[in-house]
N, C-alpha and C. Protein backbone atom coordinates (compact mmCIF):
# COMPACT_ATOMS: atom_id res chain seq x y z
N MET A 1 70.39 -96.82 -104.38
CA MET A 1 71.38 -97.27 -105.33
C MET A 1 72.74 -96.66 -104.96
N ALA A 2 73.73 -97.49 -104.84
CA ALA A 2 75.06 -97.05 -104.44
C ALA A 2 75.78 -96.41 -105.61
N ASP A 3 76.53 -95.38 -105.31
CA ASP A 3 77.33 -94.69 -106.32
C ASP A 3 78.74 -95.26 -106.28
N ASP A 4 79.20 -95.86 -107.38
CA ASP A 4 80.52 -96.49 -107.43
C ASP A 4 81.64 -95.54 -107.85
N ARG A 5 81.29 -94.28 -108.12
CA ARG A 5 82.32 -93.33 -108.52
C ARG A 5 83.23 -93.03 -107.34
N PRO A 6 84.52 -92.80 -107.61
CA PRO A 6 85.42 -92.44 -106.50
C PRO A 6 85.02 -91.10 -105.90
N ALA A 7 85.25 -90.96 -104.62
CA ALA A 7 84.96 -89.69 -103.96
C ALA A 7 85.84 -88.61 -104.54
N SER A 8 85.27 -87.44 -104.77
CA SER A 8 86.09 -86.37 -105.32
C SER A 8 86.91 -85.76 -104.20
N VAL A 9 88.05 -85.22 -104.58
CA VAL A 9 88.94 -84.60 -103.62
C VAL A 9 88.82 -83.09 -103.74
N PHE A 10 89.05 -82.40 -102.64
CA PHE A 10 88.97 -80.95 -102.60
C PHE A 10 90.32 -80.43 -102.13
N PHE A 11 90.82 -79.38 -102.75
CA PHE A 11 92.11 -78.83 -102.39
C PHE A 11 92.01 -77.36 -102.09
N PHE A 12 92.58 -76.97 -100.96
CA PHE A 12 92.73 -75.56 -100.68
C PHE A 12 93.81 -75.03 -101.58
N ALA A 13 93.73 -73.77 -101.91
CA ALA A 13 94.72 -73.18 -102.80
C ALA A 13 95.35 -71.98 -102.10
N PRO A 14 96.61 -72.03 -101.77
CA PRO A 14 97.49 -73.17 -101.88
C PRO A 14 97.27 -74.16 -100.74
N PHE A 15 97.92 -75.32 -100.82
CA PHE A 15 97.93 -76.25 -99.71
C PHE A 15 98.70 -75.59 -98.56
N VAL A 16 98.23 -75.76 -97.33
CA VAL A 16 98.92 -75.22 -96.16
C VAL A 16 99.20 -76.37 -95.20
N SER A 17 100.46 -76.50 -94.80
CA SER A 17 100.87 -77.59 -93.91
C SER A 17 100.40 -77.36 -92.48
N SER A 18 100.63 -78.36 -91.67
CA SER A 18 100.46 -78.21 -90.22
C SER A 18 101.53 -77.24 -89.72
N THR A 19 101.33 -76.72 -88.52
CA THR A 19 102.32 -75.84 -87.91
C THR A 19 103.50 -76.68 -87.43
N MET A 20 104.71 -76.20 -87.72
CA MET A 20 105.93 -76.92 -87.36
C MET A 20 106.81 -76.05 -86.48
N ALA A 21 107.50 -76.70 -85.57
CA ALA A 21 108.43 -76.02 -84.66
C ALA A 21 109.86 -76.20 -85.14
N ILE A 22 110.69 -75.23 -84.79
CA ILE A 22 112.13 -75.32 -85.05
C ILE A 22 112.73 -76.11 -83.89
N GLU A 23 113.50 -77.14 -84.18
CA GLU A 23 114.09 -77.98 -83.13
C GLU A 23 115.44 -77.41 -82.69
N PRO A 24 115.77 -77.53 -81.39
CA PRO A 24 117.03 -76.94 -80.89
C PRO A 24 118.28 -77.38 -81.64
N GLY A 25 118.37 -78.64 -82.04
CA GLY A 25 119.55 -79.13 -82.75
C GLY A 25 119.71 -78.58 -84.15
N TRP A 26 118.71 -77.88 -84.64
CA TRP A 26 118.75 -77.31 -85.98
C TRP A 26 119.38 -75.92 -86.01
N ILE A 27 119.61 -75.32 -84.85
CA ILE A 27 120.16 -73.97 -84.78
C ILE A 27 121.68 -74.06 -84.91
N ASP A 28 122.25 -73.25 -85.80
CA ASP A 28 123.69 -73.31 -86.04
C ASP A 28 124.44 -72.27 -85.22
N TYR A 29 125.73 -72.16 -85.46
CA TYR A 29 126.58 -71.24 -84.69
C TYR A 29 126.25 -69.78 -84.92
N ASN A 30 125.45 -69.47 -85.93
CA ASN A 30 124.99 -68.10 -86.16
C ASN A 30 123.75 -67.76 -85.34
N GLY A 31 123.22 -68.76 -84.63
CA GLY A 31 122.04 -68.52 -83.80
C GLY A 31 120.73 -68.56 -84.56
N HIS A 32 120.77 -69.09 -85.79
CA HIS A 32 119.54 -69.20 -86.57
C HIS A 32 119.45 -70.60 -87.20
N LEU A 33 118.33 -70.86 -87.85
CA LEU A 33 118.09 -72.17 -88.46
C LEU A 33 119.15 -72.44 -89.53
N ASN A 34 119.85 -73.56 -89.42
CA ASN A 34 120.83 -73.97 -90.41
C ASN A 34 120.12 -74.24 -91.73
N MET A 35 120.75 -73.90 -92.83
CA MET A 35 120.10 -74.01 -94.14
C MET A 35 119.59 -75.41 -94.46
N ALA A 36 120.23 -76.45 -93.98
CA ALA A 36 119.80 -77.82 -94.26
C ALA A 36 118.40 -78.09 -93.71
N TYR A 37 118.05 -77.45 -92.61
CA TYR A 37 116.78 -77.74 -91.97
C TYR A 37 115.60 -77.00 -92.60
N TYR A 38 115.88 -75.98 -93.41
CA TYR A 38 114.81 -75.41 -94.23
C TYR A 38 114.30 -76.52 -95.15
N HIS A 39 115.23 -77.32 -95.67
CA HIS A 39 114.86 -78.44 -96.55
C HIS A 39 114.02 -79.47 -95.80
N VAL A 40 114.34 -79.72 -94.53
CA VAL A 40 113.56 -80.65 -93.72
C VAL A 40 112.13 -80.14 -93.59
N LEU A 41 111.96 -78.86 -93.31
CA LEU A 41 110.62 -78.28 -93.20
C LEU A 41 109.87 -78.39 -94.53
N PHE A 42 110.53 -78.05 -95.63
CA PHE A 42 109.89 -78.19 -96.94
C PHE A 42 109.49 -79.65 -97.18
N ASP A 43 110.39 -80.57 -96.88
CA ASP A 43 110.14 -81.99 -97.15
C ASP A 43 108.96 -82.53 -96.33
N ARG A 44 108.87 -82.13 -95.08
CA ARG A 44 107.74 -82.57 -94.25
C ARG A 44 106.42 -82.06 -94.82
N ALA A 45 106.42 -80.84 -95.31
CA ALA A 45 105.20 -80.28 -95.91
C ALA A 45 104.86 -81.00 -97.21
N VAL A 46 105.87 -81.34 -98.00
CA VAL A 46 105.62 -82.07 -99.25
C VAL A 46 104.96 -83.42 -98.93
N ASP A 47 105.43 -84.10 -97.90
CA ASP A 47 104.80 -85.36 -97.50
C ASP A 47 103.32 -85.15 -97.18
N GLU A 48 103.01 -84.07 -96.48
CA GLU A 48 101.61 -83.78 -96.16
C GLU A 48 100.80 -83.50 -97.43
N ALA A 49 101.33 -82.62 -98.29
CA ALA A 49 100.61 -82.24 -99.50
C ALA A 49 100.46 -83.41 -100.47
N PHE A 50 101.53 -84.16 -100.66
CA PHE A 50 101.46 -85.31 -101.55
C PHE A 50 100.52 -86.38 -101.00
N GLY A 51 100.42 -86.46 -99.68
CA GLY A 51 99.48 -87.41 -99.07
C GLY A 51 98.04 -87.12 -99.47
N VAL A 52 97.72 -85.85 -99.66
CA VAL A 52 96.36 -85.46 -100.05
C VAL A 52 96.01 -85.99 -101.44
N VAL A 53 96.98 -86.08 -102.34
CA VAL A 53 96.71 -86.58 -103.69
C VAL A 53 96.98 -88.07 -103.82
N GLY A 54 97.34 -88.71 -102.70
CA GLY A 54 97.57 -90.16 -102.72
C GLY A 54 99.02 -90.56 -102.90
N LEU A 55 99.95 -89.60 -102.80
CA LEU A 55 101.38 -89.88 -103.00
C LEU A 55 102.20 -89.83 -101.71
N GLY A 56 101.56 -89.96 -100.57
CA GLY A 56 102.26 -89.89 -99.30
C GLY A 56 103.05 -91.15 -99.01
N PRO A 57 103.59 -91.24 -97.79
CA PRO A 57 104.39 -92.41 -97.41
C PRO A 57 103.65 -93.74 -97.59
N ASP A 58 102.33 -93.77 -97.41
CA ASP A 58 101.56 -95.00 -97.59
C ASP A 58 101.60 -95.48 -99.05
N TYR A 59 101.73 -94.53 -99.97
CA TYR A 59 101.79 -94.87 -101.39
C TYR A 59 103.03 -95.71 -101.68
N MET A 60 104.17 -95.31 -101.12
CA MET A 60 105.41 -96.08 -101.28
C MET A 60 105.25 -97.46 -100.67
N ASP A 61 104.66 -97.51 -99.48
CA ASP A 61 104.46 -98.80 -98.81
C ASP A 61 103.57 -99.74 -99.62
N SER A 62 102.67 -99.17 -100.42
CA SER A 62 101.76 -99.99 -101.23
C SER A 62 102.47 -100.65 -102.41
N GLY A 63 103.65 -100.16 -102.76
CA GLY A 63 104.40 -100.70 -103.89
C GLY A 63 104.00 -100.13 -105.23
N ARG A 64 103.04 -99.18 -105.24
CA ARG A 64 102.57 -98.60 -106.51
C ARG A 64 103.56 -97.60 -107.08
N GLY A 65 104.33 -96.97 -106.23
CA GLY A 65 105.27 -95.97 -106.72
C GLY A 65 105.72 -95.06 -105.60
N THR A 66 106.56 -94.12 -105.95
CA THR A 66 107.05 -93.12 -105.02
C THR A 66 107.50 -91.91 -105.83
N THR A 67 107.95 -90.88 -105.16
CA THR A 67 108.50 -89.72 -105.87
C THR A 67 109.92 -89.47 -105.38
N PHE A 68 110.76 -89.03 -106.31
CA PHE A 68 112.13 -88.62 -106.01
C PHE A 68 112.27 -87.17 -106.43
N ALA A 69 113.02 -86.40 -105.65
CA ALA A 69 113.35 -85.03 -106.04
C ALA A 69 114.34 -85.08 -107.20
N ALA A 70 114.10 -84.28 -108.22
CA ALA A 70 115.01 -84.20 -109.36
C ALA A 70 115.78 -82.89 -109.36
N GLU A 71 115.11 -81.81 -108.93
CA GLU A 71 115.76 -80.51 -108.92
C GLU A 71 115.05 -79.63 -107.91
N VAL A 72 115.84 -78.85 -107.17
CA VAL A 72 115.29 -77.97 -106.14
C VAL A 72 116.05 -76.64 -106.18
N HIS A 73 115.33 -75.54 -106.16
CA HIS A 73 115.92 -74.20 -106.09
C HIS A 73 115.35 -73.53 -104.84
N VAL A 74 116.20 -73.27 -103.84
CA VAL A 74 115.76 -72.65 -102.60
C VAL A 74 116.30 -71.23 -102.52
N ARG A 75 115.45 -70.36 -102.05
CA ARG A 75 115.85 -68.97 -101.82
C ARG A 75 115.57 -68.65 -100.35
N TYR A 76 116.61 -68.28 -99.63
CA TYR A 76 116.49 -67.95 -98.21
C TYR A 76 116.20 -66.46 -98.09
N ARG A 77 115.05 -66.13 -97.51
CA ARG A 77 114.59 -64.74 -97.50
C ARG A 77 114.74 -64.06 -96.14
N ARG A 78 114.58 -64.85 -95.05
CA ARG A 78 114.61 -64.26 -93.71
C ARG A 78 114.98 -65.34 -92.71
N GLU A 79 115.73 -64.95 -91.69
CA GLU A 79 116.16 -65.90 -90.66
C GLU A 79 114.98 -66.47 -89.88
N LEU A 80 115.15 -67.72 -89.49
CA LEU A 80 114.26 -68.34 -88.52
C LEU A 80 115.10 -68.67 -87.29
N VAL A 81 114.51 -68.49 -86.10
CA VAL A 81 115.21 -68.79 -84.85
C VAL A 81 114.39 -69.81 -84.06
N LEU A 82 114.95 -70.26 -82.97
CA LEU A 82 114.40 -71.38 -82.22
C LEU A 82 112.92 -71.22 -81.85
N ASP A 83 112.50 -70.07 -81.43
CA ASP A 83 111.11 -69.91 -80.97
C ASP A 83 110.09 -69.74 -82.10
N ASP A 84 110.55 -69.63 -83.34
CA ASP A 84 109.61 -69.45 -84.46
C ASP A 84 108.81 -70.71 -84.73
N ARG A 85 107.57 -70.53 -85.10
CA ARG A 85 106.71 -71.61 -85.59
C ARG A 85 106.40 -71.28 -87.04
N VAL A 86 106.35 -72.29 -87.88
CA VAL A 86 106.16 -72.05 -89.31
C VAL A 86 105.07 -72.96 -89.89
N ARG A 87 104.57 -72.53 -91.02
CA ARG A 87 103.70 -73.35 -91.87
C ARG A 87 104.27 -73.23 -93.27
N VAL A 88 104.06 -74.26 -94.06
CA VAL A 88 104.58 -74.26 -95.43
C VAL A 88 103.40 -74.32 -96.39
N THR A 89 103.41 -73.43 -97.36
CA THR A 89 102.39 -73.48 -98.42
C THR A 89 102.99 -74.20 -99.61
N LEU A 90 102.14 -74.88 -100.37
CA LEU A 90 102.59 -75.57 -101.58
C LEU A 90 101.59 -75.28 -102.69
N GLN A 91 102.11 -74.86 -103.82
CA GLN A 91 101.30 -74.58 -105.01
C GLN A 91 101.77 -75.50 -106.14
N LEU A 92 100.86 -76.30 -106.65
CA LEU A 92 101.16 -77.14 -107.80
C LEU A 92 101.19 -76.25 -109.03
N ILE A 93 102.31 -76.26 -109.74
CA ILE A 93 102.49 -75.43 -110.93
C ILE A 93 102.12 -76.21 -112.18
N GLY A 94 102.48 -77.49 -112.21
CA GLY A 94 102.18 -78.32 -113.38
C GLY A 94 102.60 -79.75 -113.13
N PHE A 95 102.12 -80.63 -114.00
CA PHE A 95 102.54 -82.03 -113.93
C PHE A 95 102.31 -82.65 -115.30
N ASP A 96 103.01 -83.74 -115.56
CA ASP A 96 102.74 -84.55 -116.73
C ASP A 96 102.67 -85.99 -116.26
N GLU A 97 102.78 -86.94 -117.15
CA GLU A 97 102.57 -88.34 -116.75
C GLU A 97 103.64 -88.87 -115.79
N LYS A 98 104.79 -88.18 -115.68
CA LYS A 98 105.87 -88.69 -114.83
C LYS A 98 106.49 -87.65 -113.90
N ARG A 99 106.11 -86.38 -114.02
CA ARG A 99 106.77 -85.32 -113.27
C ARG A 99 105.77 -84.39 -112.59
N ILE A 100 106.22 -83.79 -111.49
CA ILE A 100 105.43 -82.79 -110.77
C ILE A 100 106.32 -81.56 -110.55
N HIS A 101 105.80 -80.39 -110.91
CA HIS A 101 106.49 -79.12 -110.71
C HIS A 101 105.68 -78.35 -109.66
N PHE A 102 106.32 -77.98 -108.55
CA PHE A 102 105.59 -77.26 -107.51
C PHE A 102 106.48 -76.22 -106.84
N TYR A 103 105.82 -75.30 -106.14
CA TYR A 103 106.46 -74.17 -105.49
C TYR A 103 105.98 -74.12 -104.04
N SER A 104 106.91 -73.88 -103.11
CA SER A 104 106.55 -73.81 -101.70
C SER A 104 107.16 -72.59 -101.04
N GLU A 105 106.51 -72.14 -99.97
CA GLU A 105 107.03 -71.06 -99.14
C GLU A 105 106.95 -71.46 -97.68
N ILE A 106 108.03 -71.25 -96.95
CA ILE A 106 108.00 -71.37 -95.49
C ILE A 106 107.60 -70.00 -94.97
N ARG A 107 106.50 -69.98 -94.20
CA ARG A 107 105.99 -68.73 -93.65
C ARG A 107 105.94 -68.80 -92.13
N HIS A 108 106.23 -67.68 -91.50
CA HIS A 108 106.09 -67.60 -90.05
C HIS A 108 104.61 -67.85 -89.74
N ALA A 109 104.34 -68.75 -88.81
CA ALA A 109 102.96 -69.20 -88.56
C ALA A 109 102.04 -68.10 -88.07
N SER A 110 102.52 -67.18 -87.26
CA SER A 110 101.62 -66.15 -86.73
C SER A 110 101.76 -64.80 -87.43
N GLU A 111 102.95 -64.48 -87.95
CA GLU A 111 103.16 -63.18 -88.58
C GLU A 111 103.04 -63.22 -90.10
N GLY A 112 103.17 -64.39 -90.69
CA GLY A 112 102.93 -64.56 -92.12
C GLY A 112 104.07 -64.23 -93.07
N TRP A 113 105.19 -63.70 -92.58
CA TRP A 113 106.28 -63.36 -93.51
C TRP A 113 106.95 -64.61 -94.06
N VAL A 114 107.55 -64.45 -95.23
CA VAL A 114 108.18 -65.57 -95.93
C VAL A 114 109.64 -65.70 -95.50
N ALA A 115 110.00 -66.89 -95.01
CA ALA A 115 111.37 -67.16 -94.60
C ALA A 115 112.19 -67.76 -95.73
N ALA A 116 111.55 -68.57 -96.58
CA ALA A 116 112.26 -69.21 -97.69
C ALA A 116 111.26 -69.67 -98.73
N THR A 117 111.74 -69.77 -99.97
CA THR A 117 110.93 -70.31 -101.06
C THR A 117 111.66 -71.49 -101.69
N SER A 118 110.91 -72.37 -102.30
CA SER A 118 111.51 -73.56 -102.92
C SER A 118 110.72 -73.93 -104.17
N GLU A 119 111.40 -74.02 -105.29
CA GLU A 119 110.81 -74.50 -106.53
C GLU A 119 111.35 -75.90 -106.77
N ASN A 120 110.47 -76.84 -107.08
CA ASN A 120 110.85 -78.25 -107.13
C ASN A 120 110.32 -78.96 -108.37
N LEU A 121 111.09 -79.92 -108.81
CA LEU A 121 110.65 -80.86 -109.83
C LEU A 121 110.87 -82.25 -109.26
N SER A 122 109.78 -83.01 -109.13
CA SER A 122 109.86 -84.39 -108.61
C SER A 122 109.46 -85.36 -109.70
N LEU A 123 110.01 -86.55 -109.62
CA LEU A 123 109.75 -87.61 -110.59
C LEU A 123 108.97 -88.74 -109.94
N HIS A 124 108.05 -89.34 -110.68
CA HIS A 124 107.35 -90.53 -110.20
C HIS A 124 108.21 -91.74 -110.56
N VAL A 125 108.46 -92.61 -109.57
CA VAL A 125 109.41 -93.70 -109.73
C VAL A 125 108.76 -95.02 -109.33
N ASP A 126 109.03 -96.06 -110.12
CA ASP A 126 108.63 -97.42 -109.77
C ASP A 126 109.62 -97.90 -108.70
N PRO A 127 109.13 -98.26 -107.49
CA PRO A 127 110.07 -98.63 -106.42
C PRO A 127 110.85 -99.91 -106.69
N GLU A 128 110.35 -100.80 -107.53
CA GLU A 128 111.09 -102.04 -107.84
C GLU A 128 112.22 -101.79 -108.82
N THR A 129 111.94 -101.08 -109.90
CA THR A 129 112.95 -100.86 -110.93
C THR A 129 113.82 -99.64 -110.66
N ARG A 130 113.34 -98.73 -109.78
CA ARG A 130 114.01 -97.46 -109.47
C ARG A 130 114.14 -96.59 -110.72
N ARG A 131 113.19 -96.75 -111.63
CA ARG A 131 113.16 -95.96 -112.86
C ARG A 131 111.90 -95.10 -112.88
N VAL A 132 112.00 -94.00 -113.61
CA VAL A 132 110.86 -93.11 -113.76
C VAL A 132 109.75 -93.86 -114.47
N ALA A 133 108.51 -93.70 -113.97
CA ALA A 133 107.36 -94.43 -114.50
C ALA A 133 106.13 -93.52 -114.45
N PRO A 134 105.13 -93.78 -115.29
CA PRO A 134 103.91 -92.96 -115.29
C PRO A 134 103.12 -93.09 -113.98
N PHE A 135 102.46 -91.99 -113.62
CA PHE A 135 101.54 -92.02 -112.49
C PHE A 135 100.35 -92.91 -112.84
N PRO A 136 99.79 -93.61 -111.86
CA PRO A 136 98.52 -94.31 -112.10
C PRO A 136 97.42 -93.29 -112.41
N GLU A 137 96.37 -93.75 -113.07
CA GLU A 137 95.29 -92.84 -113.48
C GLU A 137 94.64 -92.13 -112.31
N ASP A 138 94.44 -92.82 -111.18
CA ASP A 138 93.79 -92.16 -110.04
C ASP A 138 94.64 -91.03 -109.49
N ILE A 139 95.94 -91.19 -109.49
CA ILE A 139 96.83 -90.13 -109.01
C ILE A 139 96.81 -88.96 -109.99
N GLN A 140 96.84 -89.25 -111.29
CA GLN A 140 96.76 -88.18 -112.29
C GLN A 140 95.45 -87.41 -112.15
N ALA A 141 94.37 -88.10 -111.86
CA ALA A 141 93.07 -87.43 -111.67
C ALA A 141 93.13 -86.51 -110.46
N ASN A 142 93.72 -86.97 -109.36
CA ASN A 142 93.84 -86.13 -108.17
C ASN A 142 94.73 -84.92 -108.43
N LEU A 143 95.82 -85.14 -109.15
CA LEU A 143 96.70 -84.02 -109.49
C LEU A 143 95.97 -83.00 -110.38
N SER A 144 95.12 -83.48 -111.26
CA SER A 144 94.34 -82.58 -112.12
C SER A 144 93.41 -81.70 -111.29
N VAL A 145 92.78 -82.28 -110.28
CA VAL A 145 91.90 -81.50 -109.42
C VAL A 145 92.71 -80.46 -108.65
N MET A 146 93.86 -80.88 -108.10
CA MET A 146 94.70 -79.94 -107.37
C MET A 146 95.19 -78.83 -108.29
N LEU A 147 95.62 -79.18 -109.48
CA LEU A 147 96.11 -78.17 -110.42
C LEU A 147 94.99 -77.19 -110.79
N GLY A 148 93.79 -77.70 -110.98
CA GLY A 148 92.66 -76.82 -111.29
C GLY A 148 92.43 -75.80 -110.19
N SER A 149 92.55 -76.23 -108.95
CA SER A 149 92.38 -75.34 -107.82
C SER A 149 93.55 -74.35 -107.71
N HIS A 150 94.76 -74.83 -107.91
CA HIS A 150 95.95 -73.99 -107.75
C HIS A 150 96.19 -73.08 -108.95
N ALA A 151 95.63 -73.41 -110.10
CA ALA A 151 95.83 -72.60 -111.30
C ALA A 151 95.24 -71.20 -111.15
N ARG A 152 94.33 -71.04 -110.22
CA ARG A 152 93.70 -69.73 -109.99
C ARG A 152 94.62 -68.78 -109.22
N LEU A 153 95.66 -69.35 -108.60
CA LEU A 153 96.60 -68.53 -107.82
C LEU A 153 97.53 -67.76 -108.76
N PRO A 154 98.02 -66.61 -108.31
CA PRO A 154 99.01 -65.91 -109.14
C PRO A 154 100.29 -66.72 -109.27
N ARG A 155 100.98 -66.55 -110.37
CA ARG A 155 102.26 -67.24 -110.58
C ARG A 155 103.29 -66.63 -109.63
N PRO A 156 103.97 -67.45 -108.83
CA PRO A 156 104.96 -66.91 -107.88
C PRO A 156 106.10 -66.19 -108.59
N ASP A 157 106.52 -65.07 -108.02
CA ASP A 157 107.61 -64.28 -108.60
C ASP A 157 108.93 -65.04 -108.62
N ASP A 158 109.14 -65.96 -107.67
CA ASP A 158 110.42 -66.66 -107.57
C ASP A 158 110.55 -67.84 -108.53
N LEU A 159 109.53 -68.14 -109.31
CA LEU A 159 109.63 -69.27 -110.25
C LEU A 159 110.65 -68.98 -111.33
N GLY A 160 111.45 -69.98 -111.65
CA GLY A 160 112.38 -69.89 -112.78
C GLY A 160 113.59 -69.02 -112.54
N ARG A 161 113.86 -68.70 -111.30
CA ARG A 161 115.03 -67.87 -111.00
C ARG A 161 116.32 -68.62 -111.33
N THR A 162 117.33 -67.88 -111.69
CA THR A 162 118.65 -68.46 -111.91
C THR A 162 119.63 -67.81 -110.94
N ILE A 163 120.73 -68.48 -110.73
CA ILE A 163 121.76 -67.95 -109.84
C ILE A 163 122.89 -67.42 -110.70
N GLY A 164 123.41 -66.27 -110.35
CA GLY A 164 124.54 -65.71 -111.07
C GLY A 164 124.85 -64.32 -110.59
N ILE A 165 125.99 -63.85 -110.97
CA ILE A 165 126.41 -62.49 -110.67
C ILE A 165 126.54 -61.79 -112.01
N ALA A 166 125.74 -60.78 -112.19
CA ALA A 166 125.80 -60.02 -113.43
C ALA A 166 127.06 -59.16 -113.41
N ALA A 167 128.03 -59.54 -114.22
CA ALA A 167 129.28 -58.81 -114.28
C ALA A 167 129.13 -57.63 -115.22
N ARG A 168 129.53 -56.47 -114.78
CA ARG A 168 129.45 -55.26 -115.60
C ARG A 168 130.82 -54.61 -115.67
N GLY A 169 131.22 -54.24 -116.85
CA GLY A 169 132.47 -53.50 -117.03
C GLY A 169 132.25 -52.03 -116.73
N ARG A 170 133.30 -51.25 -116.83
CA ARG A 170 133.20 -49.80 -116.55
C ARG A 170 132.24 -49.12 -117.52
N ASP A 171 132.11 -49.68 -118.73
CA ASP A 171 131.23 -49.06 -119.72
C ASP A 171 129.78 -49.53 -119.58
N GLY A 172 129.50 -50.36 -118.57
CA GLY A 172 128.13 -50.82 -118.33
C GLY A 172 127.78 -52.10 -119.06
N HIS A 173 128.67 -52.59 -119.92
CA HIS A 173 128.43 -53.83 -120.63
C HIS A 173 128.99 -55.01 -119.85
N ASN A 174 128.53 -56.21 -120.19
CA ASN A 174 129.04 -57.39 -119.51
C ASN A 174 130.55 -57.50 -119.70
N ALA A 175 131.24 -57.70 -118.61
CA ALA A 175 132.69 -57.86 -118.65
C ALA A 175 133.03 -59.33 -118.84
N ARG A 176 134.25 -59.58 -119.35
CA ARG A 176 134.71 -60.97 -119.44
C ARG A 176 134.87 -61.52 -118.04
N PRO A 177 134.65 -62.83 -117.83
CA PRO A 177 134.77 -63.41 -116.49
C PRO A 177 136.12 -63.18 -115.84
N ASP A 178 137.22 -63.11 -116.62
CA ASP A 178 138.53 -62.94 -116.01
C ASP A 178 138.81 -61.49 -115.60
N THR A 179 137.92 -60.57 -115.93
CA THR A 179 138.08 -59.18 -115.52
C THR A 179 136.81 -58.68 -114.83
N MET A 180 136.12 -59.58 -114.11
CA MET A 180 134.87 -59.22 -113.46
C MET A 180 135.10 -58.14 -112.42
N ALA A 181 134.28 -57.12 -112.46
CA ALA A 181 134.38 -56.03 -111.50
C ALA A 181 133.55 -56.36 -110.27
N PHE A 182 134.11 -56.18 -109.11
CA PHE A 182 133.40 -56.37 -107.86
C PHE A 182 133.17 -54.99 -107.27
N ALA A 183 131.96 -54.52 -107.40
CA ALA A 183 131.64 -53.16 -106.96
C ALA A 183 131.88 -52.97 -105.47
N SER A 184 131.56 -54.00 -104.67
CA SER A 184 131.72 -53.82 -103.23
C SER A 184 133.18 -53.71 -102.83
N ALA A 185 134.07 -54.34 -103.58
CA ALA A 185 135.50 -54.29 -103.26
C ALA A 185 136.18 -53.14 -103.99
N GLY A 186 135.54 -52.64 -105.04
CA GLY A 186 136.12 -51.56 -105.81
C GLY A 186 137.36 -51.98 -106.57
N ALA A 187 137.52 -53.26 -106.85
CA ALA A 187 138.72 -53.75 -107.53
C ALA A 187 138.32 -54.76 -108.60
N ARG A 188 139.29 -55.03 -109.46
CA ARG A 188 139.11 -56.07 -110.48
C ARG A 188 139.91 -57.29 -110.10
N VAL A 189 139.35 -58.43 -110.43
CA VAL A 189 140.04 -59.68 -110.15
C VAL A 189 140.48 -60.28 -111.47
N ARG A 190 141.76 -60.66 -111.57
CA ARG A 190 142.27 -61.29 -112.77
C ARG A 190 142.72 -62.70 -112.39
N HIS A 191 142.35 -63.66 -113.24
CA HIS A 191 142.73 -65.06 -112.98
C HIS A 191 143.92 -65.44 -113.82
């Protein structure tokens, strides 16, 4: 008797991409990977990871939907140079009927150190209307399995970070923006 249930999917926690090389044209005048190409590495890994849940490039070609980036927070931790090889990990943090929240790290492939982190929010989009739309049930089921596997991982320290300079006055309290103290310069700036 044939079993008509869909095959279950299995996810490593976290997802780990294929090994990627740094391309010569990506190196900037500082002799290291230009910041734009960290995004290329993250994006290539997202295509691999999303492909596992059925949201890869073939999904767009099918006309069922696609994903668009809505928000990305990248933190550059360590330089990458031409001879480095990297792998990207991806941890699904959460999802709802139209959104996916995930966290990724670019890691040196052989030494394991973290070069950059990326927190992302992606939207599921109907390719015809170009509007946000619910995931199909099979994709939601796959995301549920991935989330179940990834939920066992510790919450990344870089999640929810904000960018800013904590301004402190001489008394240790927050200073007004027009009198922000710059400790490294030892001076005050007035606008």
